[in-house]
């Protein structure tokens, strides 16, 4: 689709304006609503300048290398490859994380899990156990949840588990990026298989929860490019991971440890019932900024 753009870089202001208009049309025709914003962002990436510099057109003349890079990433975006994958990074909880096709792209609503974990760790009632026993992040992906928690808690240890080895490699890169390799460890596993009884103080998880029948209805960026193993729930209703992890968490957690999970829209009450059915108490449901019930947490009652 980028064939309509000149192969050589625009040399003056009018050529730049015209080229950006064509690029906007390419993205718009691909179904991308914020085409002007994204074209400006893509050009800023190719030029290594800020988006505001692109808007004001305050940058040196565009080289052939820079223009070819712009055409390449524009073609990627027109195929609905997510911006985060093109850029290679995504911000989460004020930190920058490497992302790729092996991991879910971190989203703002998942920050609720970090908020909840930090509130527990900072509570004097929990501090002894939180510092003596590790936190567990099940389905860690990029490691964004676990590493965001650790970044603000220097004396806490955490373990990230994922069934995907490529995802774990990405998480390790992010741990090194944020100088957290001493606090964080990672290993391959399916949910909590292999975790010793009464060995962790808190379990956090953003499990796959989208029913398989709904995957095809999602935006192409999600349905075509993000890893389905991290998206699709194992049961018809998308709640399979919650059923399995709730049972396993009861065994792995300390007697008064906590389990906190992200949930899909409309799933909070079902997940609450799952938690209660295996013996979790003091259930908490928190809403995201869109006022969607997005996090469910419960305390182990095995004192």
C-alpha atoms as a PDB file:
ATOM      1  CA  UNK A   1       0.000   0.000   0.000  1.00  0.00           C
ATOM      2  CA  UNK A   2       2.965   2.324   0.436  1.00  0.00           C
ATOM      3  CA  UNK A   3       3.601   2.251  -3.333  1.00  0.00           C
ATOM      4  CA  UNK A   4       1.617   5.480  -3.621  1.00  0.00           C
ATOM      5  CA  UNK A   5       4.340   7.263  -1.652  1.00  0.00           C
ATOM      6  CA  UNK A   6       7.532   8.485  -3.373  1.00  0.00           C
ATOM      7  CA  UNK A   7      10.499   6.124  -3.081  1.00  0.00           C
ATOM      8  CA  UNK A   8      12.822   9.041  -2.422  1.00  0.00           C
ATOM      9  CA  UNK A   9      12.529  11.239   0.688  1.00  0.00           C
ATOM     10  CA  UNK A  10      10.579  14.511   0.361  1.00  0.00           C
ATOM     11  CA  UNK A  11      12.916  17.466  -0.012  1.00  0.00           C
ATOM     12  CA  UNK A  12      10.795  20.456   0.922  1.00  0.00           C
ATOM     13  CA  UNK A  13       7.874  21.417   3.140  1.00  0.00           C
ATOM     14  CA  UNK A  14       5.185  20.947   0.494  1.00  0.00           C
ATOM     15  CA  UNK A  15       6.482  17.486  -0.399  1.00  0.00           C
ATOM     16  CA  UNK A  16       6.527  16.504   3.274  1.00  0.00           C
ATOM     17  CA  UNK A  17       2.943  17.697   3.762  1.00  0.00           C
ATOM     18  CA  UNK A  18       1.771  15.794   0.688  1.00  0.00           C
ATOM     19  CA  UNK A  19       3.611  12.618   1.711  1.00  0.00           C
ATOM     20  CA  UNK A  20       2.124  12.714   5.206  1.00  0.00           C
ATOM     21  CA  UNK A  21      -1.362  13.156   3.750  1.00  0.00           C
ATOM     22  CA  UNK A  22      -0.877  10.074   1.584  1.00  0.00           C
ATOM     23  CA  UNK A  23       0.439   8.145   4.583  1.00  0.00           C
ATOM     24  CA  UNK A  24      -2.618   9.172   6.606  1.00  0.00           C
ATOM     25  CA  UNK A  25      -4.886   7.864   3.860  1.00  0.00           C
ATOM     26  CA  UNK A  26      -3.022   4.555   3.835  1.00  0.00           C
ATOM     27  CA  UNK A  27      -3.578   4.047   7.556  1.00  0.00           C
ATOM     28  CA  UNK A  28      -7.147   5.323   7.395  1.00  0.00           C
ATOM     29  CA  UNK A  29      -7.962   2.893   4.580  1.00  0.00           C
ATOM     30  CA  UNK A  30      -6.550   0.122   6.782  1.00  0.00           C
ATOM     31  CA  UNK A  31      -9.123   0.924   9.454  1.00  0.00           C
ATOM     32  CA  UNK A  32      -6.931   2.941  11.795  1.00  0.00           C
ATOM     33  CA  UNK A  33      -8.924   5.845  13.219  1.00  0.00           C
ATOM     34  CA  UNK A  34      -6.103   7.983  14.629  1.00  0.00           C
ATOM     35  CA  UNK A  35      -4.216   7.966  11.342  1.00  0.00           C
ATOM     36  CA  UNK A  36      -2.789  11.501  11.579  1.00  0.00           C
ATOM     37  CA  UNK A  37      -1.443  10.961  15.087  1.00  0.00           C
ATOM     38  CA  UNK A  38       0.068   7.617  14.146  1.00  0.00           C
ATOM     39  CA  UNK A  39       1.727   8.892  10.973  1.00  0.00           C
ATOM     40  CA  UNK A  40       3.339  11.669  12.987  1.00  0.00           C
ATOM     41  CA  UNK A  41       4.487   9.111  15.547  1.00  0.00           C
ATOM     42  CA  UNK A  42       5.885   6.736  12.923  1.00  0.00           C
ATOM     43  CA  UNK A  43       7.823   9.516  11.221  1.00  0.00           C
ATOM     44  CA  UNK A  44       9.194  10.673  14.565  1.00  0.00           C
ATOM     45  CA  UNK A  45      10.384   7.096  15.204  1.00  0.00           C
ATOM     46  CA  UNK A  46      12.091   6.921  11.816  1.00  0.00           C
ATOM     47  CA  UNK A  47      13.769  10.301  12.272  1.00  0.00           C
ATOM     48  CA  UNK A  48      14.672   9.850  15.924  1.00  0.00           C
ATOM     49  CA  UNK A  49      12.947  13.078  16.939  1.00  0.00           C
ATOM     50  CA  UNK A  50       9.882  13.947  19.011  1.00  0.00           C
ATOM     51  CA  UNK A  51       6.381  13.934  17.566  1.00  0.00           C
ATOM     52  CA  UNK A  52       6.153  17.665  18.312  1.00  0.00           C
ATOM     53  CA  UNK A  53       9.196  18.203  16.080  1.00  0.00           C
ATOM     54  CA  UNK A  54       7.399  16.385  13.281  1.00  0.00           C
ATOM     55  CA  UNK A  55       4.273  18.487  13.762  1.00  0.00           C
ATOM     56  CA  UNK A  56       6.317  21.689  13.656  1.00  0.00           C
ATOM     57  CA  UNK A  57       8.559  20.172  10.962  1.00  0.00           C
ATOM     58  CA  UNK A  58      11.665  21.068  12.939  1.00  0.00           C
ATOM     59  CA  UNK A  59      14.097  18.384  11.855  1.00  0.00           C
ATOM     60  CA  UNK A  60      17.028  18.009   9.447  1.00  0.00           C
ATOM     61  CA  UNK A  61      16.469  16.842   5.889  1.00  0.00           C
ATOM     62  CA  UNK A  62      15.236  13.255   5.674  1.00  0.00           C
ATOM     63  CA  UNK A  63      17.885  10.761   4.584  1.00  0.00           C
ATOM     64  CA  UNK A  64      17.249   7.783   2.323  1.00  0.00           C
ATOM     65  CA  UNK A  65      17.800   5.425   5.280  1.00  0.00           C
ATOM     66  CA  UNK A  66      15.286   7.293   7.428  1.00  0.00           C
ATOM     67  CA  UNK A  67      12.706   7.444   4.634  1.00  0.00           C
ATOM     68  CA  UNK A  68      13.024   3.727   3.899  1.00  0.00           C
ATOM     69  CA  UNK A  69      12.582   3.012   7.597  1.00  0.00           C
ATOM     70  CA  UNK A  70       9.446   5.163   7.639  1.00  0.00           C
ATOM     71  CA  UNK A  71       8.022   3.333   4.609  1.00  0.00           C
ATOM     72  CA  UNK A  72       8.770  -0.003   6.266  1.00  0.00           C
ATOM     73  CA  UNK A  73       7.123   0.738   9.603  1.00  0.00           C
ATOM     74  CA  UNK A  74       4.208   2.437   7.848  1.00  0.00           C
ATOM     75  CA  UNK A  75       3.654  -0.765   5.854  1.00  0.00           C
ATOM     76  CA  UNK A  76       3.784  -2.774   9.089  1.00  0.00           C
ATOM     77  CA  UNK A  77       1.226  -0.537  10.756  1.00  0.00           C
ATOM     78  CA  UNK A  78      -1.064  -0.660   7.714  1.00  0.00           C
ATOM     79  CA  UNK A  79      -1.167  -4.444   8.263  1.00  0.00           C
ATOM     80  CA  UNK A  80      -2.388  -3.631  11.804  1.00  0.00           C
ATOM     81  CA  UNK A  81       0.791  -4.758  13.528  1.00  0.00           C
ATOM     82  CA  UNK A  82       0.530  -3.086  16.962  1.00  0.00           C
ATOM     83  CA  UNK A  83       2.496   0.108  17.490  1.00  0.00           C
ATOM     84  CA  UNK A  84       4.122  -1.363  20.578  1.00  0.00           C
ATOM     85  CA  UNK A  85       5.549  -4.261  18.560  1.00  0.00           C
ATOM     86  CA  UNK A  86       6.824  -1.887  15.884  1.00  0.00           C
ATOM     87  CA  UNK A  87       8.367   0.380  18.497  1.00  0.00           C
ATOM     88  CA  UNK A  88       9.605  -2.608  20.527  1.00  0.00           C
ATOM     89  CA  UNK A  89       8.648  -1.069  23.864  1.00  0.00           C
ATOM     90  CA  UNK A  90       5.585  -0.153  25.903  1.00  0.00           C
ATOM     91  CA  UNK A  91       5.219   2.019  28.998  1.00  0.00           C
ATOM     92  CA  UNK A  92       3.652   0.454  32.069  1.00  0.00           C
ATOM     93  CA  UNK A  93       3.480   1.913  35.589  1.00  0.00           C
ATOM     94  CA  UNK A  94       5.857   4.675  34.551  1.00  0.00           C
ATOM     95  CA  UNK A  95       8.474   2.204  33.303  1.00  0.00           C
ATOM     96  CA  UNK A  96       9.511   1.143  29.802  1.00  0.00           C
ATOM     97  CA  UNK A  97       9.299  -2.551  28.925  1.00  0.00           C
ATOM     98  CA  UNK A  98      10.545  -4.449  25.906  1.00  0.00           C
ATOM     99  CA  UNK A  99       7.688  -6.183  24.092  1.00  0.00           C
ATOM    100  CA  UNK A 100       7.468  -8.464  21.085  1.00  0.00           C
ATOM    101  CA  UNK A 101       5.121 -10.964  19.480  1.00  0.00           C
ATOM    102  CA  UNK A 102       5.794 -13.463  22.295  1.00  0.00           C
ATOM    103  CA  UNK A 103       4.172 -11.355  25.035  1.00  0.00           C
ATOM    104  CA  UNK A 104       0.988  -9.427  25.618  1.00  0.00           C
ATOM    105  CA  UNK A 105       1.295  -5.676  25.323  1.00  0.00           C
ATOM    106  CA  UNK A 106       0.994  -4.174  28.841  1.00  0.00           C
ATOM    107  CA  UNK A 107      -2.218  -2.218  29.345  1.00  0.00           C
ATOM    108  CA  UNK A 108      -3.166   0.492  31.865  1.00  0.00           C
ATOM    109  CA  UNK A 109      -5.899  -1.571  33.518  1.00  0.00           C
ATOM    110  CA  UNK A 110      -3.334  -4.177  34.559  1.00  0.00           C
ATOM    111  CA  UNK A 111      -1.683  -1.551  36.751  1.00  0.00           C
ATOM    112  CA  UNK A 112      -4.446  -2.279  39.286  1.00  0.00           C
ATOM    113  CA  UNK A 113      -2.560  -5.452  40.206  1.00  0.00           C
ATOM    114  CA  UNK A 114       0.586  -3.440  40.927  1.00  0.00           C
ATOM    115  CA  UNK A 115      -1.386  -0.929  43.012  1.00  0.00           C
ATOM    116  CA  UNK A 116      -2.932  -3.740  45.040  1.00  0.00           C
ATOM    117  CA  UNK A 117       0.381  -5.535  45.590  1.00  0.00           C
ATOM    118  CA  UNK A 118       2.101  -2.352  46.738  1.00  0.00           C
ATOM    119  CA  UNK A 119      -0.740  -1.609  49.155  1.00  0.00           C
ATOM    120  CA  UNK A 120      -0.268  -5.040  50.737  1.00  0.00           C
ATOM    121  CA  UNK A 121       3.504  -4.767  50.935  1.00  0.00           C
ATOM    122  CA  UNK A 122       3.337  -1.312  52.515  1.00  0.00           C
ATOM    123  CA  UNK A 123       0.826  -2.454  55.143  1.00  0.00           C
ATOM    124  CA  UNK A 124       2.756  -3.108  58.413  1.00  0.00           C
ATOM    125  CA  UNK A 125       0.538  -6.130  59.101  1.00  0.00           C
ATOM    126  CA  UNK A 126       1.909  -7.919  56.007  1.00  0.00           C
ATOM    127  CA  UNK A 127       5.487  -6.679  55.886  1.00  0.00           C
ATOM    128  CA  UNK A 128       7.110  -9.623  57.652  1.00  0.00           C
ATOM    129  CA  UNK A 129       5.664 -12.277  55.344  1.00  0.00           C
ATOM    130  CA  UNK A 130       6.006 -10.133  52.223  1.00  0.00           C
ATOM    131  CA  UNK A 131       9.718  -9.735  52.840  1.00  0.00           C
ATOM    132  CA  UNK A 132      10.348 -13.304  53.973  1.00  0.00           C
ATOM    133  CA  UNK A 133       8.363 -15.135  51.297  1.00  0.00           C
ATOM    134  CA  UNK A 134       8.382 -14.305  47.557  1.00  0.00           C
ATOM    135  CA  UNK A 135       5.626 -12.905  45.396  1.00  0.00           C
ATOM    136  CA  UNK A 136       4.549 -15.069  42.482  1.00  0.00           C
ATOM    137  CA  UNK A 137       3.517 -13.713  39.064  1.00  0.00           C
ATOM    138  CA  UNK A 138       1.717 -16.453  37.125  1.00  0.00           C
ATOM    139  CA  UNK A 139       1.795 -15.980  33.353  1.00  0.00           C
ATOM    140  CA  UNK A 140       4.397 -13.254  33.703  1.00  0.00           C
ATOM    141  CA  UNK A 141       4.789 -12.487  29.975  1.00  0.00           C
ATOM    142  CA  UNK A 142       6.959  -9.384  29.674  1.00  0.00           C
ATOM    143  CA  UNK A 143       7.364  -9.341  33.455  1.00  0.00           C
ATOM    144  CA  UNK A 144       5.755  -5.924  33.678  1.00  0.00           C
ATOM    145  CA  UNK A 145       3.612  -6.679  36.749  1.00  0.00           C
ATOM    146  CA  UNK A 146       6.315  -8.392  38.777  1.00  0.00           C
ATOM    147  CA  UNK A 147       9.060  -5.923  37.847  1.00  0.00           C
ATOM    148  CA  UNK A 148       6.893  -2.861  38.505  1.00  0.00           C
ATOM    149  CA  UNK A 149       6.218  -4.166  41.995  1.00  0.00           C
ATOM    150  CA  UNK A 150       9.892  -4.838  42.644  1.00  0.00           C
ATOM    151  CA  UNK A 151      10.975  -1.452  41.326  1.00  0.00           C
ATOM    152  CA  UNK A 152       9.233   0.160  44.287  1.00  0.00           C
ATOM    153  CA  UNK A 153      10.123  -2.499  46.883  1.00  0.00           C
ATOM    154  CA  UNK A 154      13.858  -3.024  47.202  1.00  0.00           C
ATOM    155  CA  UNK A 155      13.630  -5.698  49.913  1.00  0.00           C
ATOM    156  CA  UNK A 156      11.041  -7.958  48.228  1.00  0.00           C
ATOM    157  CA  UNK A 157      11.724 -11.027  46.062  1.00  0.00           C
ATOM    158  CA  UNK A 158       9.495 -12.288  43.262  1.00  0.00           C
ATOM    159  CA  UNK A 159       9.227 -15.231  40.877  1.00  0.00           C
ATOM    160  CA  UNK A 160       7.734 -15.097  37.403  1.00  0.00           C
ATOM    161  CA  UNK A 161       6.236 -18.223  35.836  1.00  0.00           C
ATOM    162  CA  UNK A 162       5.205 -18.656  32.222  1.00  0.00           C
ATOM    163  CA  UNK A 163       4.544 -21.625  29.989  1.00  0.00           C
ATOM    164  CA  UNK A 164       6.271 -19.808  27.113  1.00  0.00           C
ATOM    165  CA  UNK A 165      10.070 -19.843  27.115  1.00  0.00           C
ATOM    166  CA  UNK A 166      10.285 -16.935  24.606  1.00  0.00           C
ATOM    167  CA  UNK A 167       8.101 -14.887  26.970  1.00  0.00           C
ATOM    168  CA  UNK A 168      10.418 -15.702  29.875  1.00  0.00           C
ATOM    169  CA  UNK A 169      13.421 -14.591  27.842  1.00  0.00           C
ATOM    170  CA  UNK A 170      11.684 -11.247  27.285  1.00  0.00           C
ATOM    171  CA  UNK A 171      10.943 -10.961  31.000  1.00  0.00           C
ATOM    172  CA  UNK A 172      14.609 -11.583  31.807  1.00  0.00           C
ATOM    173  CA  UNK A 173      15.644  -8.851  29.383  1.00  0.00           C
ATOM    174  CA  UNK A 174      13.269  -6.481  31.155  1.00  0.00           C
ATOM    175  CA  UNK A 175      14.587  -7.506  34.569  1.00  0.00           C
ATOM    176  CA  UNK A 176      18.108  -6.671  33.408  1.00  0.00           C
ATOM    177  CA  UNK A 177      16.861  -3.424  31.867  1.00  0.00           C
ATOM    178  CA  UNK A 178      15.549  -2.298  35.247  1.00  0.00           C
ATOM    179  CA  UNK A 179      18.434  -3.762  37.268  1.00  0.00           C
ATOM    180  CA  UNK A 180      16.179  -6.223  39.081  1.00  0.00           C
ATOM    181  CA  UNK A 181      17.893  -9.540  38.369  1.00  0.00           C
ATOM    182  CA  UNK A 182      18.843  -9.903  42.044  1.00  0.00           C
ATOM    183  CA  UNK A 183      15.232  -9.639  43.152  1.00  0.00           C
ATOM    184  CA  UNK A 184      13.498 -11.462  40.300  1.00  0.00           C
ATOM    185  CA  UNK A 185      13.794 -15.047  39.088  1.00  0.00           C
ATOM    186  CA  UNK A 186      11.909 -16.823  36.312  1.00  0.00           C
ATOM    187  CA  UNK A 187      11.081 -20.377  35.382  1.00  0.00           C
ATOM    188  CA  UNK A 188       8.930 -22.220  32.898  1.00  0.00           C
ATOM    189  CA  UNK A 189       5.772 -23.831  34.222  1.00  0.00           C
ATOM    190  CA  UNK A 190       2.046 -24.350  33.724  1.00  0.00           C
ATOM    191  CA  UNK A 191       0.196 -22.226  36.274  1.00  0.00           C
ATOM    192  CA  UNK A 192       1.434 -23.215  39.766  1.00  0.00           C
ATOM    193  CA  UNK A 193       2.611 -26.744  39.036  1.00  0.00           C
ATOM    194  CA  UNK A 194       5.744 -27.425  41.057  1.00  0.00           C
ATOM    195  CA  UNK A 195       5.278 -24.614  43.580  1.00  0.00           C
ATOM    196  CA  UNK A 196       5.833 -25.850  47.144  1.00  0.00           C
ATOM    197  CA  UNK A 197       2.946 -25.612  49.628  1.00  0.00           C
ATOM    198  CA  UNK A 198       2.824 -22.515  51.838  1.00  0.00           C
ATOM    199  CA  UNK A 199       5.801 -20.953  50.061  1.00  0.00           C
ATOM    200  CA  UNK A 200       4.533 -17.617  48.677  1.00  0.00           C
ATOM    201  CA  UNK A 201       2.957 -14.556  50.272  1.00  0.00           C
ATOM    202  CA  UNK A 202       1.102 -13.120  47.269  1.00  0.00           C
ATOM    203  CA  UNK A 203       0.118 -14.415  43.834  1.00  0.00           C
ATOM    204  CA  UNK A 204      -0.698 -11.987  41.043  1.00  0.00           C
ATOM    205  CA  UNK A 205      -1.833 -12.965  37.587  1.00  0.00           C
ATOM    206  CA  UNK A 206      -3.246 -11.620  34.363  1.00  0.00           C
ATOM    207  CA  UNK A 207      -4.355 -14.980  32.937  1.00  0.00           C
ATOM    208  CA  UNK A 208      -5.873 -15.746  29.531  1.00  0.00           C
ATOM    209  CA  UNK A 209      -9.566 -15.001  29.984  1.00  0.00           C
ATOM    210  CA  UNK A 210     -11.136 -14.228  26.604  1.00  0.00           C
ATOM    211  CA  UNK A 211     -13.518 -16.981  25.415  1.00  0.00           C
ATOM    212  CA  UNK A 212     -12.178 -18.616  22.236  1.00  0.00           C
ATOM    213  CA  UNK A 213     -15.381 -17.734  20.396  1.00  0.00           C
ATOM    214  CA  UNK A 214     -14.697 -14.022  20.959  1.00  0.00           C
ATOM    215  CA  UNK A 215     -11.071 -13.846  19.786  1.00  0.00           C
ATOM    216  CA  UNK A 216     -12.049 -13.196  16.167  1.00  0.00           C
ATOM    217  CA  UNK A 217     -14.225 -10.236  17.216  1.00  0.00           C
ATOM    218  CA  UNK A 218     -11.307  -8.313  18.732  1.00  0.00           C
ATOM    219  CA  UNK A 219      -9.311  -5.622  16.970  1.00  0.00           C
ATOM    220  CA  UNK A 220      -6.901  -7.068  14.371  1.00  0.00           C
ATOM    221  CA  UNK A 221      -3.963  -5.806  16.432  1.00  0.00           C
ATOM    222  CA  UNK A 222      -5.033  -8.211  19.174  1.00  0.00           C
ATOM    223  CA  UNK A 223      -6.614 -11.132  17.312  1.00  0.00           C
ATOM    224  CA  UNK A 224      -3.923 -11.408  14.631  1.00  0.00           C
ATOM    225  CA  UNK A 225      -0.721 -10.480  16.430  1.00  0.00           C
ATOM    226  CA  UNK A 226      -0.828 -10.876  20.207  1.00  0.00           C
ATOM    227  CA  UNK A 227      -0.099 -14.438  21.450  1.00  0.00           C
ATOM    228  CA  UNK A 228      -3.328 -16.435  21.653  1.00  0.00           C
ATOM    229  CA  UNK A 229      -1.917 -18.580  24.441  1.00  0.00           C
ATOM    230  CA  UNK A 230      -1.948 -15.439  26.605  1.00  0.00           C
ATOM    231  CA  UNK A 231      -5.385 -14.291  25.440  1.00  0.00           C
ATOM    232  CA  UNK A 232      -7.775 -17.213  25.160  1.00  0.00           C
ATOM    233  CA  UNK A 233      -9.263 -18.884  28.210  1.00  0.00           C
ATOM    234  CA  UNK A 234      -9.139 -22.677  28.290  1.00  0.00           C
ATOM    235  CA  UNK A 235     -12.883 -23.127  28.865  1.00  0.00           C
ATOM    236  CA  UNK A 236     -15.910 -22.054  26.838  1.00  0.00           C
ATOM    237  CA  UNK A 237     -16.499 -19.134  29.204  1.00  0.00           C
ATOM    238  CA  UNK A 238     -12.864 -18.029  29.540  1.00  0.00           C
ATOM    239  CA  UNK A 239     -12.789 -18.862  33.259  1.00  0.00           C
ATOM    240  CA  UNK A 240     -10.704 -22.033  33.152  1.00  0.00           C
ATOM    241  CA  UNK A 241      -7.480 -20.387  34.284  1.00  0.00           C
ATOM    242  CA  UNK A 242      -9.262 -18.907  37.314  1.00  0.00           C
ATOM    243  CA  UNK A 243     -10.713 -22.261  38.334  1.00  0.00           C
ATOM    244  CA  UNK A 244      -7.337 -23.972  38.118  1.00  0.00           C
ATOM    245  CA  UNK A 245      -5.243 -21.209  39.655  1.00  0.00           C
ATOM    246  CA  UNK A 246      -7.655 -20.646  42.566  1.00  0.00           C
ATOM    247  CA  UNK A 247      -7.338 -24.286  43.637  1.00  0.00           C
ATOM    248  CA  UNK A 248      -3.574 -24.351  43.187  1.00  0.00           C
ATOM    249  CA  UNK A 249      -3.116 -20.990  44.889  1.00  0.00           C
ATOM    250  CA  UNK A 250      -4.809 -22.217  48.066  1.00  0.00           C
ATOM    251  CA  UNK A 251      -2.038 -24.777  48.408  1.00  0.00           C
ATOM    252  CA  UNK A 252       0.868 -22.519  47.438  1.00  0.00           C
ATOM    253  CA  UNK A 253      -0.053 -19.478  49.522  1.00  0.00           C
ATOM    254  CA  UNK A 254       0.696 -18.858  53.165  1.00  0.00           C
ATOM    255  CA  UNK A 255      -2.288 -19.250  55.444  1.00  0.00           C
ATOM    256  CA  UNK A 256      -3.163 -15.557  55.151  1.00  0.00           C
ATOM    257  CA  UNK A 257      -1.653 -14.932  51.720  1.00  0.00           C
ATOM    258  CA  UNK A 258      -3.457 -13.200  48.891  1.00  0.00           C
ATOM    259  CA  UNK A 259      -4.411 -14.028  45.301  1.00  0.00           C
ATOM    260  CA  UNK A 260      -5.095 -11.107  42.943  1.00  0.00           C
ATOM    261  CA  UNK A 261      -6.090 -11.487  39.281  1.00  0.00           C
ATOM    262  CA  UNK A 262      -7.141  -9.327  36.376  1.00  0.00           C
ATOM    263  CA  UNK A 263     -10.530 -10.255  34.920  1.00  0.00           C
ATOM    264  CA  UNK A 264     -12.383  -9.537  31.714  1.00  0.00           C
ATOM    265  CA  UNK A 265     -15.408  -7.288  31.506  1.00  0.00           C
ATOM    266  CA  UNK A 266     -18.381  -8.940  33.202  1.00  0.00           C
ATOM    267  CA  UNK A 267     -16.298 -11.728  34.804  1.00  0.00           C
ATOM    268  CA  UNK A 268     -15.696 -10.266  38.273  1.00  0.00           C
ATOM    269  CA  UNK A 269     -18.705 -11.820  40.017  1.00  0.00           C
ATOM    270  CA  UNK A 270     -18.012 -15.243  38.468  1.00  0.00           C
ATOM    271  CA  UNK A 271     -14.388 -15.097  39.584  1.00  0.00           C
ATOM    272  CA  UNK A 272     -15.489 -13.995  43.054  1.00  0.00           C
ATOM    273  CA  UNK A 273     -17.687 -17.106  43.251  1.00  0.00           C
ATOM    274  CA  UNK A 274     -14.776 -19.287  42.126  1.00  0.00           C
ATOM    275  CA  UNK A 275     -12.560 -17.787  44.830  1.00  0.00           C
ATOM    276  CA  UNK A 276     -15.208 -18.245  47.516  1.00  0.00           C
ATOM    277  CA  UNK A 277     -15.947 -21.813  46.434  1.00  0.00           C
ATOM    278  CA  UNK A 278     -12.377 -22.903  47.266  1.00  0.00           C
ATOM    279  CA  UNK A 279     -12.184 -20.929  50.514  1.00  0.00           C
ATOM    280  CA  UNK A 280     -10.842 -17.441  49.770  1.00  0.00           C
ATOM    281  CA  UNK A 281     -12.283 -14.710  52.002  1.00  0.00           C
ATOM    282  CA  UNK A 282     -12.278 -10.910  52.252  1.00  0.00           C
ATOM    283  CA  UNK A 283     -12.911 -10.634  48.507  1.00  0.00           C
ATOM    284  CA  UNK A 284     -12.006  -7.292  46.936  1.00  0.00           C
ATOM    285  CA  UNK A 285     -13.156  -6.115  43.499  1.00  0.00           C
ATOM    286  CA  UNK A 286     -11.500  -3.017  42.050  1.00  0.00           C
ATOM    287  CA  UNK A 287     -12.556  -1.011  39.005  1.00  0.00           C
ATOM    288  CA  UNK A 288     -10.351   0.459  36.293  1.00  0.00           C
ATOM    289  CA  UNK A 289     -10.538   4.060  35.055  1.00  0.00           C
ATOM    290  CA  UNK A 290     -13.449   3.141  32.777  1.00  0.00           C
ATOM    291  CA  UNK A 291     -15.327   1.918  35.888  1.00  0.00           C
ATOM    292  CA  UNK A 292     -15.132  -1.704  34.705  1.00  0.00           C
ATOM    293  CA  UNK A 293     -14.654  -4.309  37.434  1.00  0.00           C
ATOM    294  CA  UNK A 294     -11.159  -5.384  36.439  1.00  0.00           C
ATOM    295  CA  UNK A 295      -9.416  -6.953  39.459  1.00  0.00           C
ATOM    296  CA  UNK A 296     -10.505  -9.575  41.953  1.00  0.00           C
ATOM    297  CA  UNK A 297      -8.482 -10.407  45.059  1.00  0.00           C
ATOM    298  CA  UNK A 298      -9.038 -12.759  47.956  1.00  0.00           C
ATOM    299  CA  UNK A 299      -7.248 -13.829  51.132  1.00  0.00           C
ATOM    300  CA  UNK A 300      -6.418 -17.430  51.894  1.00  0.00           C
ATOM    301  CA  UNK A 301      -8.349 -18.585  54.934  1.00  0.00           C
ATOM    302  CA  UNK A 302      -6.107 -21.538  55.816  1.00  0.00           C
ATOM    303  CA  UNK A 303      -4.645 -20.129  59.043  1.00  0.00           C
END
